Amino acid sequence: MARQFKPKIVSANDLLAGDVVYVDRAGGWTRNLGEAAVAESEAAVEALMAAADQPAKVVGPYLVEVAVDENGRPAPSHFREKFRDRGPSNRPDLGRQAQVAARHAAPTTGGS
């Protein structure tokens, strides 16, 4: 029996910054996993991998299995990719988790 196809995205590392990046719907790169293009078929996987062939911009592109929510946003299925998306786990003051923490710590404006 044939295995059911599972949606995939393409992840790589930005060549200059080292950040985790994803092929977006326009064939460019995004640091936001929610903006990644999702391949729903083998043909779409081939197209994403072709778009990822940008050795002057990224290194190590590969496929990542994802679950897609009701809004079409991908979420990694494997814990390794969840870690990669969050940033360095040994330094919570760096990476994406620091940006999220800074947004939550920023004072809100507005009256009551």
PDB file of N, CA and C in Angstrom:
ATOM      1  N   MET A   1       0.847  -1.180   0.000  1.00  0.00           N
ATOM      2  CA  MET A   1       0.000   0.000   0.000  1.00  0.00           C
ATOM      3  C   MET A   1       0.889   1.239   0.000  1.00  0.00           C
ATOM      4  N   ALA A   2       0.559   2.208  -0.823  1.00  0.00           N
ATOM      5  CA  ALA A   2       1.339   3.434  -0.931  1.00  0.00           C
ATOM      6  C   ALA A   2       1.139   4.299   0.311  1.00  0.00           C
ATOM      7  N   ARG A   3       2.235   4.940   0.725  1.00  0.00           N
ATOM      8  CA  ARG A   3       2.147   5.853   1.861  1.00  0.00           C
ATOM      9  C   ARG A   3       1.420   7.118   1.451  1.00  0.00           C
ATOM     10  N   GLN A   4       0.636   7.632   2.355  1.00  0.00           N
ATOM     11  CA  GLN A   4      -0.069   8.884   2.110  1.00  0.00           C
ATOM     12  C   GLN A   4       0.943  10.028   2.129  1.00  0.00           C
ATOM     13  N   PHE A   5       0.830  10.941   1.167  1.00  0.00           N
ATOM     14  CA  PHE A   5       1.729  12.085   1.099  1.00  0.00           C
ATOM     15  C   PHE A   5       1.468  13.017   2.276  1.00  0.00           C
ATOM     16  N   LYS A   6       2.531  13.481   2.904  1.00  0.00           N
ATOM     17  CA  LYS A   6       2.412  14.446   4.001  1.00  0.00           C
ATOM     18  C   LYS A   6       2.969  15.782   3.526  1.00  0.00           C
ATOM     19  N   PRO A   7       2.291  16.881   3.847  1.00  0.00           N
ATOM     20  CA  PRO A   7       2.744  18.201   3.395  1.00  0.00           C
ATOM     21  C   PRO A   7       4.168  18.484   3.863  1.00  0.00           C
ATOM     22  N   LYS A   8       4.888  19.250   3.030  1.00  0.00           N
ATOM     23  CA  LYS A   8       6.278  19.568   3.334  1.00  0.00           C
ATOM     24  C   LYS A   8       6.586  21.024   2.996  1.00  0.00           C
ATOM     25  N   ILE A   9       7.602  21.559   3.684  1.00  0.00           N
ATOM     26  CA  ILE A   9       8.167  22.859   3.363  1.00  0.00           C
ATOM     27  C   ILE A   9       9.651  22.652   3.153  1.00  0.00           C
ATOM     28  N   VAL A  10      10.335  23.684   2.661  1.00  0.00           N
ATOM     29  CA  VAL A  10      11.784  23.609   2.496  1.00  0.00           C
ATOM     30  C   VAL A  10      12.418  24.580   3.477  1.00  0.00           C
ATOM     31  N   SER A  11      13.380  24.074   4.237  1.00  0.00           N
ATOM     32  CA  SER A  11      14.126  24.873   5.202  1.00  0.00           C
ATOM     33  C   SER A  11      15.596  24.875   4.797  1.00  0.00           C
ATOM     34  N   ALA A  12      16.296  25.941   5.166  1.00  0.00           N
ATOM     35  CA  ALA A  12      17.731  26.062   4.914  1.00  0.00           C
ATOM     36  C   ALA A  12      18.288  27.050   5.932  1.00  0.00           C
ATOM     37  N   ASN A  13      19.553  27.379   5.774  1.00  0.00           N
ATOM     38  CA  ASN A  13      20.167  28.411   6.596  1.00  0.00           C
ATOM     39  C   ASN A  13      20.637  29.544   5.702  1.00  0.00           C
ATOM     40  N   ASP A  14      20.342  30.766   6.114  1.00  0.00           N
ATOM     41  CA  ASP A  14      20.802  31.947   5.394  1.00  0.00           C
ATOM     42  C   ASP A  14      22.325  31.922   5.385  1.00  0.00           C
ATOM     43  N   LEU A  15      22.907  32.087   4.220  1.00  0.00           N
ATOM     44  CA  LEU A  15      24.351  31.959   4.068  1.00  0.00           C
ATOM     45  C   LEU A  15      25.116  33.011   4.856  1.00  0.00           C
ATOM     46  N   LEU A  16      24.638  34.238   4.893  1.00  0.00           N
ATOM     47  CA  LEU A  16      25.361  35.299   5.586  1.00  0.00           C
ATOM     48  C   LEU A  16      25.035  35.392   7.067  1.00  0.00           C
ATOM     49  N   ALA A  17      23.750  35.336   7.422  1.00  0.00           N
ATOM     50  CA  ALA A  17      23.346  35.509   8.817  1.00  0.00           C
ATOM     51  C   ALA A  17      23.310  34.199   9.595  1.00  0.00           C
ATOM     52  N   GLY A  18      23.154  33.079   8.901  1.00  0.00           N
ATOM     53  CA  GLY A  18      23.065  31.790   9.575  1.00  0.00           C
ATOM     54  C   GLY A  18      21.678  31.462  10.083  1.00  0.00           C
ATOM     55  N   ASP A  19      20.731  32.379   9.930  1.00  0.00           N
ATOM     56  CA  ASP A  19      19.367  32.166  10.414  1.00  0.00           C
ATOM     57  C   ASP A  19      18.676  31.041   9.657  1.00  0.00           C
ATOM     58  N   VAL A  20      17.728  30.400  10.321  1.00  0.00           N
ATOM     59  CA  VAL A  20      16.868  29.419   9.675  1.00  0.00           C
ATOM     60  C   VAL A  20      15.910  30.183   8.772  1.00  0.00           C
ATOM     61  N   VAL A  21      15.783  29.731   7.526  1.00  0.00           N
ATOM     62  CA  VAL A  21      14.877  30.361   6.569  1.00  0.00           C
ATOM     63  C   VAL A  21      14.060  29.291   5.854  1.00  0.00           C
ATOM     64  N   TYR A  22      12.959  29.729   5.247  1.00  0.00           N
ATOM     65  CA  TYR A  22      12.032  28.835   4.564  1.00  0.00           C
ATOM     66  C   TYR A  22      11.699  29.414   3.200  1.00  0.00           C
ATOM     67  N   VAL A  23      11.512  28.547   2.194  1.00  0.00           N
ATOM     68  CA  VAL A  23      11.050  29.015   0.890  1.00  0.00           C
ATOM     69  C   VAL A  23       9.631  29.535   1.072  1.00  0.00           C
ATOM     70  N   ASP A  24       9.396  30.767   0.591  1.00  0.00           N
ATOM     71  CA  ASP A  24       8.045  31.328   0.701  1.00  0.00           C
ATOM     72  C   ASP A  24       7.264  31.111  -0.590  1.00  0.00           C
ATOM     73  N   ARG A  25       6.038  31.576  -0.610  1.00  0.00           N
ATOM     74  CA  ARG A  25       5.142  31.329  -1.753  1.00  0.00           C
ATOM     75  C   ARG A  25       5.611  32.006  -3.037  1.00  0.00           C
ATOM     76  N   ALA A  26       6.443  33.034  -2.915  1.00  0.00           N
ATOM     77  CA  ALA A  26       6.947  33.749  -4.092  1.00  0.00           C
ATOM     78  C   ALA A  26       8.267  33.163  -4.594  1.00  0.00           C
ATOM     79  N   GLY A  27       8.771  32.121  -3.922  1.00  0.00           N
ATOM     80  CA  GLY A  27      10.036  31.517  -4.324  1.00  0.00           C
ATOM     81  C   GLY A  27      11.242  32.195  -3.702  1.00  0.00           C
ATOM     82  N   GLY A  28      11.000  33.116  -2.781  1.00  0.00           N
ATOM     83  CA  GLY A  28      12.076  33.770  -2.048  1.00  0.00           C
ATOM     84  C   GLY A  28      12.267  33.084  -0.706  1.00  0.00           C
ATOM     85  N   TRP A  29      12.804  33.813   0.260  1.00  0.00           N
ATOM     86  CA  TRP A  29      13.088  33.248   1.580  1.00  0.00           C
ATOM     87  C   TRP A  29      12.447  34.087   2.663  1.00  0.00           C
ATOM     88  N   THR A  30      11.977  33.431   3.693  1.00  0.00           N
ATOM     89  CA  THR A  30      11.380  34.102   4.843  1.00  0.00           C
ATOM     90  C   THR A  30      11.916  33.456   6.119  1.00  0.00           C
ATOM     91  N   ARG A  31      12.014  34.259   7.173  1.00  0.00           N
ATOM     92  CA  ARG A  31      12.405  33.723   8.481  1.00  0.00           C
ATOM     93  C   ARG A  31      11.170  33.300   9.280  1.00  0.00           C
ATOM     94  N   ASN A  32       9.987  33.587   8.753  1.00  0.00           N
ATOM     95  CA  ASN A  32       8.727  33.285   9.422  1.00  0.00           C
ATOM     96  C   ASN A  32       8.166  31.969   8.892  1.00  0.00           C
ATOM     97  N   LEU A  33       8.162  30.945   9.724  1.00  0.00           N
ATOM     98  CA  LEU A  33       7.682  29.629   9.304  1.00  0.00           C
ATOM     99  C   LEU A  33       6.251  29.684   8.781  1.00  0.00           C
ATOM    100  N   GLY A  34       5.418  30.537   9.325  1.00  0.00           N
ATOM    101  CA  GLY A  34       4.035  30.656   8.896  1.00  0.00           C
ATOM    102  C   GLY A  34       3.878  31.159   7.467  1.00  0.00           C
ATOM    103  N   GLU A  35       4.930  31.761   6.914  1.00  0.00           N
ATOM    104  CA  GLU A  35       4.890  32.263   5.541  1.00  0.00           C
ATOM    105  C   GLU A  35       5.495  31.278   4.549  1.00  0.00           C
ATOM    106  N   ALA A  36       5.920  30.113   5.022  1.00  0.00           N
ATOM    107  CA  ALA A  36       6.546  29.126   4.147  1.00  0.00           C
ATOM    108  C   ALA A  36       5.538  28.550   3.164  1.00  0.00           C
ATOM    109  N   ALA A  37       6.005  28.290   1.951  1.00  0.00           N
ATOM    110  CA  ALA A  37       5.180  27.630   0.939  1.00  0.00           C
ATOM    111  C   ALA A  37       5.059  26.160   1.312  1.00  0.00           C
ATOM    112  N   VAL A  38       3.849  25.628   1.244  1.00  0.00           N
ATOM    113  CA  VAL A  38       3.595  24.235   1.609  1.00  0.00           C
ATOM    114  C   VAL A  38       3.382  23.415   0.339  1.00  0.00           C
ATOM    115  N   ALA A  39       4.160  22.347   0.209  1.00  0.00           N
ATOM    116  CA  ALA A  39       3.998  21.418  -0.909  1.00  0.00           C
ATOM    117  C   ALA A  39       2.986  20.363  -0.506  1.00  0.00           C
ATOM    118  N   GLU A  40       1.933  20.236  -1.302  1.00  0.00           N
ATOM    119  CA  GLU A  40       0.873  19.261  -1.025  1.00  0.00           C
ATOM    120  C   GLU A  40       0.953  18.041  -1.942  1.00  0.00           C
ATOM    121  N   SER A  41       2.014  17.989  -2.807  1.00  0.00           N
ATOM    122  CA  SER A  41       2.180  16.867  -3.732  1.00  0.00           C
ATOM    123  C   SER A  41       3.665  16.712  -4.062  1.00  0.00           C
ATOM    124  N   GLU A  42       4.019  15.578  -4.655  1.00  0.00           N
ATOM    125  CA  GLU A  42       5.413  15.347  -5.052  1.00  0.00           C
ATOM    126  C   GLU A  42       5.861  16.379  -6.084  1.00  0.00           C
ATOM    127  N   ALA A  43       4.976  16.750  -7.010  1.00  0.00           N
ATOM    128  CA  ALA A  43       5.323  17.760  -8.012  1.00  0.00           C
ATOM    129  C   ALA A  43       5.618  19.102  -7.347  1.00  0.00           C
ATOM    130  N   ALA A  44       4.832  19.450  -6.345  1.00  0.00           N
ATOM    131  CA  ALA A  44       5.052  20.701  -5.623  1.00  0.00           C
ATOM    132  C   ALA A  44       6.363  20.650  -4.840  1.00  0.00           C
ATOM    133  N   VAL A  45       6.718  19.474  -4.317  1.00  0.00           N
ATOM    134  CA  VAL A  45       7.998  19.310  -3.610  1.00  0.00           C
ATOM    135  C   VAL A  45       9.147  19.598  -4.565  1.00  0.00           C
ATOM    136  N   GLU A  46       9.068  19.041  -5.766  1.00  0.00           N
ATOM    137  CA  GLU A  46      10.122  19.266  -6.759  1.00  0.00           C
ATOM    138  C   GLU A  46      10.252  20.749  -7.095  1.00  0.00           C
ATOM    139  N   ALA A  47       9.129  21.438  -7.225  1.00  0.00           N
ATOM    140  CA  ALA A  47       9.154  22.868  -7.519  1.00  0.00           C
ATOM    141  C   ALA A  47       9.778  23.665  -6.369  1.00  0.00           C
ATOM    142  N   LEU A  48       9.442  23.312  -5.133  1.00  0.00           N
ATOM    143  CA  LEU A  48      10.038  24.002  -3.975  1.00  0.00           C
ATOM    144  C   LEU A  48      11.534  23.764  -3.892  1.00  0.00           C
ATOM    145  N   MET A  49      11.954  22.533  -4.126  1.00  0.00           N
ATOM    146  CA  MET A  49      13.391  22.239  -4.071  1.00  0.00           C
ATOM    147  C   MET A  49      14.136  22.969  -5.194  1.00  0.00           C
ATOM    148  N   ALA A  50      13.510  23.112  -6.349  1.00  0.00           N
ATOM    149  CA  ALA A  50      14.125  23.873  -7.439  1.00  0.00           C
ATOM    150  C   ALA A  50      14.252  25.346  -7.041  1.00  0.00           C
ATOM    151  N   ALA A  51      13.220  25.884  -6.387  1.00  0.00           N
ATOM    152  CA  ALA A  51      13.265  27.272  -5.924  1.00  0.00           C
ATOM    153  C   ALA A  51      14.336  27.466  -4.860  1.00  0.00           C
ATOM    154  N   ALA A  52      14.615  26.424  -4.101  1.00  0.00           N
ATOM    155  CA  ALA A  52      15.593  26.504  -3.010  1.00  0.00           C
ATOM    156  C   ALA A  52      17.033  26.445  -3.498  1.00  0.00           C
ATOM    157  N   ASP A  53      17.235  26.128  -4.754  1.00  0.00           N
ATOM    158  CA  ASP A  53      18.585  26.018  -5.306  1.00  0.00           C
ATOM    159  C   ASP A  53      19.167  27.410  -5.544  1.00  0.00           C
ATOM    160  N   GLN A  54      19.579  28.032  -4.446  1.00  0.00           N
ATOM    161  CA  GLN A  54      20.132  29.388  -4.465  1.00  0.00           C
ATOM    162  C   GLN A  54      21.414  29.410  -3.630  1.00  0.00           C
ATOM    163  N   PRO A  55      22.493  28.788  -4.122  1.00  0.00           N
ATOM    164  CA  PRO A  55      23.711  28.653  -3.326  1.00  0.00           C
ATOM    165  C   PRO A  55      24.368  29.969  -2.928  1.00  0.00           C
ATOM    166  N   ALA A  56      24.027  31.068  -3.569  1.00  0.00           N
ATOM    167  CA  ALA A  56      24.577  32.364  -3.172  1.00  0.00           C
ATOM    168  C   ALA A  56      23.829  32.959  -1.983  1.00  0.00           C
ATOM    169  N   LYS A  57      22.650  32.376  -1.638  1.00  0.00           N
ATOM    170  CA  LYS A  57      21.830  32.920  -0.549  1.00  0.00           C
ATOM    171  C   LYS A  57      21.697  31.988   0.642  1.00  0.00           C
ATOM    172  N   VAL A  58      21.605  30.667   0.378  1.00  0.00           N
ATOM    173  CA  VAL A  58      21.341  29.716   1.462  1.00  0.00           C
ATOM    174  C   VAL A  58      22.250  28.496   1.343  1.00  0.00           C
ATOM    175  N   VAL A  59      22.339  27.785   2.455  1.00  0.00           N
ATOM    176  CA  VAL A  59      23.095  26.540   2.491  1.00  0.00           C
ATOM    177  C   VAL A  59      22.224  25.448   3.103  1.00  0.00           C
ATOM    178  N   GLY A  60      22.332  24.255   2.560  1.00  0.00           N
ATOM    179  CA  GLY A  60      21.685  23.081   3.135  1.00  0.00           C
ATOM    180  C   GLY A  60      20.183  23.004   3.040  1.00  0.00           C
ATOM    181  N   PRO A  61      19.552  23.371   1.916  1.00  0.00           N
ATOM    182  CA  PRO A  61      18.090  23.244   1.870  1.00  0.00           C
ATOM    183  C   PRO A  61      17.648  21.783   1.962  1.00  0.00           C
ATOM    184  N   TYR A  62      16.584  21.550   2.701  1.00  0.00           N
ATOM    185  CA  TYR A  62      16.038  20.198   2.834  1.00  0.00           C
ATOM    186  C   TYR A  62      14.551  20.272   3.138  1.00  0.00           C
ATOM    187  N   LEU A  63      13.878  19.139   2.963  1.00  0.00           N
ATOM    188  CA  LEU A  63      12.439  19.059   3.184  1.00  0.00           C
ATOM    189  C   LEU A  63      12.105  18.829   4.647  1.00  0.00           C
ATOM    190  N   VAL A  64      11.028  19.461   5.084  1.00  0.00           N
ATOM    191  CA  VAL A  64      10.542  19.329   6.453  1.00  0.00           C
ATOM    192  C   VAL A  64       9.071  18.944   6.398  1.00  0.00           C
ATOM    193  N   GLU A  65       8.725  17.851   7.043  1.00  0.00           N
ATOM    194  CA  GLU A  65       7.326  17.433   7.126  1.00  0.00           C
ATOM    195  C   GLU A  65       6.598  18.370   8.081  1.00  0.00           C
ATOM    196  N   VAL A  66       5.403  18.797   7.674  1.00  0.00           N
ATOM    197  CA  VAL A  66       4.628  19.733   8.497  1.00  0.00           C
ATOM    198  C   VAL A  66       3.183  19.291   8.618  1.00  0.00           C
ATOM    199  N   ALA A  67       2.537  19.828   9.635  1.00  0.00           N
ATOM    200  CA  ALA A  67       1.083  19.733   9.770  1.00  0.00           C
ATOM    201  C   ALA A  67       0.563  21.113   9.373  1.00  0.00           C
ATOM    202  N   VAL A  68      -0.577  21.160   8.715  1.00  0.00           N
ATOM    203  CA  VAL A  68      -1.141  22.427   8.271  1.00  0.00           C
ATOM    204  C   VAL A  68      -2.430  22.675   9.050  1.00  0.00           C
ATOM    205  N   ASP A  69      -2.514  23.865   9.664  1.00  0.00           N
ATOM    206  CA  ASP A  69      -3.709  24.169  10.455  1.00  0.00           C
ATOM    207  C   ASP A  69      -4.866  24.622   9.559  1.00  0.00           C
ATOM    208  N   GLU A  70      -5.997  24.942  10.163  1.00  0.00           N
ATOM    209  CA  GLU A  70      -7.196  25.304   9.403  1.00  0.00           C
ATOM    210  C   GLU A  70      -7.025  26.598   8.608  1.00  0.00           C
ATOM    211  N   ASN A  71      -6.015  27.410   8.960  1.00  0.00           N
ATOM    212  CA  ASN A  71      -5.737  28.652   8.230  1.00  0.00           C
ATOM    213  C   ASN A  71      -4.664  28.475   7.166  1.00  0.00           C
ATOM    214  N   GLY A  72      -4.190  27.242   6.988  1.00  0.00           N
ATOM    215  CA  GLY A  72      -3.170  26.969   5.983  1.00  0.00           C
ATOM    216  C   GLY A  72      -1.752  27.232   6.446  1.00  0.00           C
ATOM    217  N   ARG A  73      -1.578  27.504   7.734  1.00  0.00           N
ATOM    218  CA  ARG A  73      -0.236  27.777   8.272  1.00  0.00           C
ATOM    219  C   ARG A  73       0.453  26.467   8.648  1.00  0.00           C
ATOM    220  N   PRO A  74       1.697  26.295   8.198  1.00  0.00           N
ATOM    221  CA  PRO A  74       2.422  25.073   8.533  1.00  0.00           C
ATOM    222  C   PRO A  74       3.019  25.124   9.939  1.00  0.00           C
ATOM    223  N   ALA A  75       3.116  23.958  10.551  1.00  0.00           N
ATOM    224  CA  ALA A  75       3.797  23.795  11.839  1.00  0.00           C
ATOM    225  C   ALA A  75       4.629  22.528  11.738  1.00  0.00           C
ATOM    226  N   PRO A  76       5.881  22.573  12.161  1.00  0.00           N
ATOM    227  CA  PRO A  76       6.736  21.393  12.029  1.00  0.00           C
ATOM    228  C   PRO A  76       6.192  20.205  12.810  1.00  0.00           C
ATOM    229  N   SER A  77       6.350  19.025  12.238  1.00  0.00           N
ATOM    230  CA  SER A  77       5.900  17.797  12.887  1.00  0.00           C
ATOM    231  C   SER A  77       6.958  17.215  13.818  1.00  0.00           C
ATOM    232  N   HIS A  78       8.208  17.529  13.561  1.00  0.00           N
ATOM    233  CA  HIS A  78       9.310  16.933  14.312  1.00  0.00           C
ATOM    234  C   HIS A  78       9.900  17.953  15.294  1.00  0.00           C
ATOM    235  N   PHE A  79      10.270  17.471  16.483  1.00  0.00           N
ATOM    236  CA  PHE A  79      10.781  18.388  17.511  1.00  0.00           C
ATOM    237  C   PHE A  79      12.052  19.110  17.077  1.00  0.00           C
ATOM    238  N   ARG A  80      12.871  18.499  16.229  1.00  0.00           N
ATOM    239  CA  ARG A  80      14.099  19.161  15.763  1.00  0.00           C
ATOM    240  C   ARG A  80      13.766  20.465  15.050  1.00  0.00           C
ATOM    241  N   GLU A  81      12.753  20.429  14.221  1.00  0.00           N
ATOM    242  CA  GLU A  81      12.366  21.624  13.478  1.00  0.00           C
ATOM    243  C   GLU A  81      11.715  22.665  14.378  1.00  0.00           C
ATOM    244  N   LYS A  82      11.047  22.226  15.418  1.00  0.00           N
ATOM    245  CA  LYS A  82      10.488  23.172  16.382  1.00  0.00           C
ATOM    246  C   LYS A  82      11.616  23.926  17.069  1.00  0.00           C
ATOM    247  N   PHE A  83      12.699  23.218  17.424  1.00  0.00           N
ATOM    248  CA  PHE A  83      13.861  23.865  18.034  1.00  0.00           C
ATOM    249  C   PHE A  83      14.526  24.831  17.059  1.00  0.00           C
ATOM    250  N   ARG A  84      14.697  24.404  15.812  1.00  0.00           N
ATOM    251  CA  ARG A  84      15.333  25.262  14.815  1.00  0.00           C
ATOM    252  C   ARG A  84      14.540  26.539  14.616  1.00  0.00           C
ATOM    253  N   ASP A  85      13.218  26.447  14.646  1.00  0.00           N
ATOM    254  CA  ASP A  85      12.389  27.626  14.439  1.00  0.00           C
ATOM    255  C   ASP A  85      12.485  28.604  15.605  1.00  0.00           C
ATOM    256  N   ARG A  86      12.662  28.099  16.812  1.00  0.00           N
ATOM    257  CA  ARG A  86      12.721  28.966  17.999  1.00  0.00           C
ATOM    258  C   ARG A  86      14.040  29.708  18.138  1.00  0.00           C
ATOM    259  N   GLY A  87      15.129  29.124  17.675  1.00  0.00           N
ATOM    260  CA  GLY A  87      16.436  29.748  17.834  1.00  0.00           C
ATOM    261  C   GLY A  87      17.268  28.985  18.840  1.00  0.00           C
ATOM    262  N   PRO A  88      18.419  29.524  19.214  1.00  0.00           N
ATOM    263  CA  PRO A  88      19.330  28.793  20.100  1.00  0.00           C
ATOM    264  C   PRO A  88      18.706  28.494  21.459  1.00  0.00           C
ATOM    265  N   SER A  89      18.755  27.232  21.867  1.00  0.00           N
ATOM    266  CA  SER A  89      18.115  26.848  23.123  1.00  0.00           C
ATOM    267  C   SER A  89      18.986  27.135  24.332  1.00  0.00           C
ATOM    268  N   ASN A  90      20.281  27.355  24.125  1.00  0.00           N
ATOM    269  CA  ASN A  90      21.155  27.610  25.261  1.00  0.00           C
ATOM    270  C   ASN A  90      21.250  29.096  25.609  1.00  0.00           C
ATOM    271  N   ARG A  91      20.667  29.963  24.779  1.00  0.00           N
ATOM    272  CA  ARG A  91      20.708  31.403  25.032  1.00  0.00           C
ATOM    273  C   ARG A  91      19.341  32.018  24.753  1.00  0.00           C
ATOM    274  N   PRO A  92      18.451  32.018  25.753  1.00  0.00           N
ATOM    275  CA  PRO A  92      17.109  32.566  25.531  1.00  0.00           C
ATOM    276  C   PRO A  92      17.106  34.068  25.249  1.00  0.00           C
ATOM    277  N   ASP A  93      18.259  34.728  25.445  1.00  0.00           N
ATOM    278  CA  ASP A  93      18.336  36.152  25.148  1.00  0.00           C
ATOM    279  C   ASP A  93      18.689  36.414  23.688  1.00  0.00           C
ATOM    280  N   LEU A  94      18.857  35.347  22.893  1.00  0.00           N
ATOM    281  CA  LEU A  94      19.183  35.473  21.473  1.00  0.00           C
ATOM    282  C   LEU A  94      18.118  34.796  20.627  1.00  0.00           C
ATOM    283  N   GLY A  95      18.118  35.089  19.361  1.00  0.00           N
ATOM    284  CA  GLY A  95      17.232  34.398  18.433  1.00  0.00           C
ATOM    285  C   GLY A  95      15.789  34.848  18.512  1.00  0.00           C
ATOM    286  N   ARG A  96      14.941  34.047  17.926  1.00  0.00           N
ATOM    287  CA  ARG A  96      13.521  34.398  17.840  1.00  0.00           C
ATOM    288  C   ARG A  96      12.855  34.459  19.205  1.00  0.00           C
ATOM    289  N   GLN A  97      13.267  33.587  20.125  1.00  0.00           N
ATOM    290  CA  GLN A  97      12.625  33.601  21.435  1.00  0.00           C
ATOM    291  C   GLN A  97      12.898  34.910  22.167  1.00  0.00           C
ATOM    292  N   ALA A  98      14.034  35.554  21.932  1.00  0.00           N
ATOM    293  CA  ALA A  98      14.328  36.845  22.560  1.00  0.00           C
ATOM    294  C   ALA A  98      13.431  37.933  21.986  1.00  0.00           C
ATOM    295  N   GLN A  99      13.161  37.865  20.685  1.00  0.00           N
ATOM    296  CA  GLN A  99      12.296  38.851  20.058  1.00  0.00           C
ATOM    297  C   GLN A  99      10.876  38.735  20.601  1.00  0.00           C
ATOM    298  N   VAL A 100      10.404  37.518  20.785  1.00  0.00           N
ATOM    299  CA  VAL A 100       9.068  37.299  21.336  1.00  0.00           C
ATOM    300  C   VAL A 100       9.014  37.809  22.778  1.00  0.00           C
ATOM    301  N   ALA A 101      10.042  37.503  23.565  1.00  0.00           N
ATOM    302  CA  ALA A 101      10.078  37.950  24.960  1.00  0.00           C
ATOM    303  C   ALA A 101      10.101  39.478  25.035  1.00  0.00           C
ATOM    304  N   ALA A 102      10.835  40.115  24.138  1.00  0.00           N
ATOM    305  CA  ALA A 102      10.910  41.572  24.134  1.00  0.00           C
ATOM    306  C   ALA A 102       9.553  42.187  23.808  1.00  0.00           C
ATOM    307  N   ARG A 103       8.823  41.588  22.887  1.00  0.00           N
ATOM    308  CA  ARG A 103       7.492  42.108  22.546  1.00  0.00           C
ATOM    309  C   ARG A 103       6.544  41.985  23.742  1.00  0.00           C
ATOM    310  N   HIS A 104       6.645  40.878  24.471  1.00  0.00           N
ATOM    311  CA  HIS A 104       5.770  40.675  25.625  1.00  0.00           C
ATOM    312  C   HIS A 104       6.151  41.570  26.790  1.00  0.00           C
ATOM    313  N   ALA A 105       7.420  41.955  26.887  1.00  0.00           N
ATOM    314  CA  ALA A 105       7.887  42.776  27.992  1.00  0.00           C
ATOM    315  C   ALA A 105       7.695  44.263  27.719  1.00  0.00           C
ATOM    316  N   ALA A 106       7.479  44.648  26.452  1.00  0.00           N
ATOM    317  CA  ALA A 106       7.335  46.058  26.104  1.00  0.00           C
ATOM    318  C   ALA A 106       6.093  46.628  26.776  1.00  0.00           C
ATOM    319  N   PRO A 107       6.236  47.846  27.309  1.00  0.00           N
ATOM    320  CA  PRO A 107       5.063  48.470  27.950  1.00  0.00           C
ATOM    321  C   PRO A 107       3.996  48.759  26.895  1.00  0.00           C
ATOM    322  N   THR A 108       2.770  48.592  27.289  1.00  0.00           N
ATOM    323  CA  THR A 108       1.660  48.896  26.374  1.00  0.00           C
ATOM    324  C   THR A 108       1.266  50.348  26.539  1.00  0.00           C
ATOM    325  N   THR A 109       0.781  50.910  25.466  1.00  0.00           N
ATOM    326  CA  THR A 109       0.332  52.300  25.534  1.00  0.00           C
ATOM    327  C   THR A 109      -1.188  52.314  25.416  1.00  0.00           C
ATOM    328  N   GLY A 110      -1.755  53.367  25.830  1.00  0.00           N
ATOM    329  CA  GLY A 110      -3.218  53.481  25.744  1.00  0.00           C
ATOM    330  C   GLY A 110      -3.794  53.802  27.096  1.00  0.00           C
ATOM    331  N   GLY A 111      -4.916  54.368  27.085  1.00  0.00           N
ATOM    332  CA  GLY A 111      -5.566  54.752  28.335  1.00  0.00           C
ATOM    333  C   GLY A 111      -6.490  53.681  28.859  1.00  0.00           C
ATOM    334  N   SER A 112      -6.907  53.878  30.072  1.00  0.00           N
ATOM    335  CA  SER A 112      -7.867  52.921  30.651  1.00  0.00           C
ATOM    336  C   SER A 112      -9.113  53.632  31.059  1.00  0.00           C
TER     337      SER A 112
END
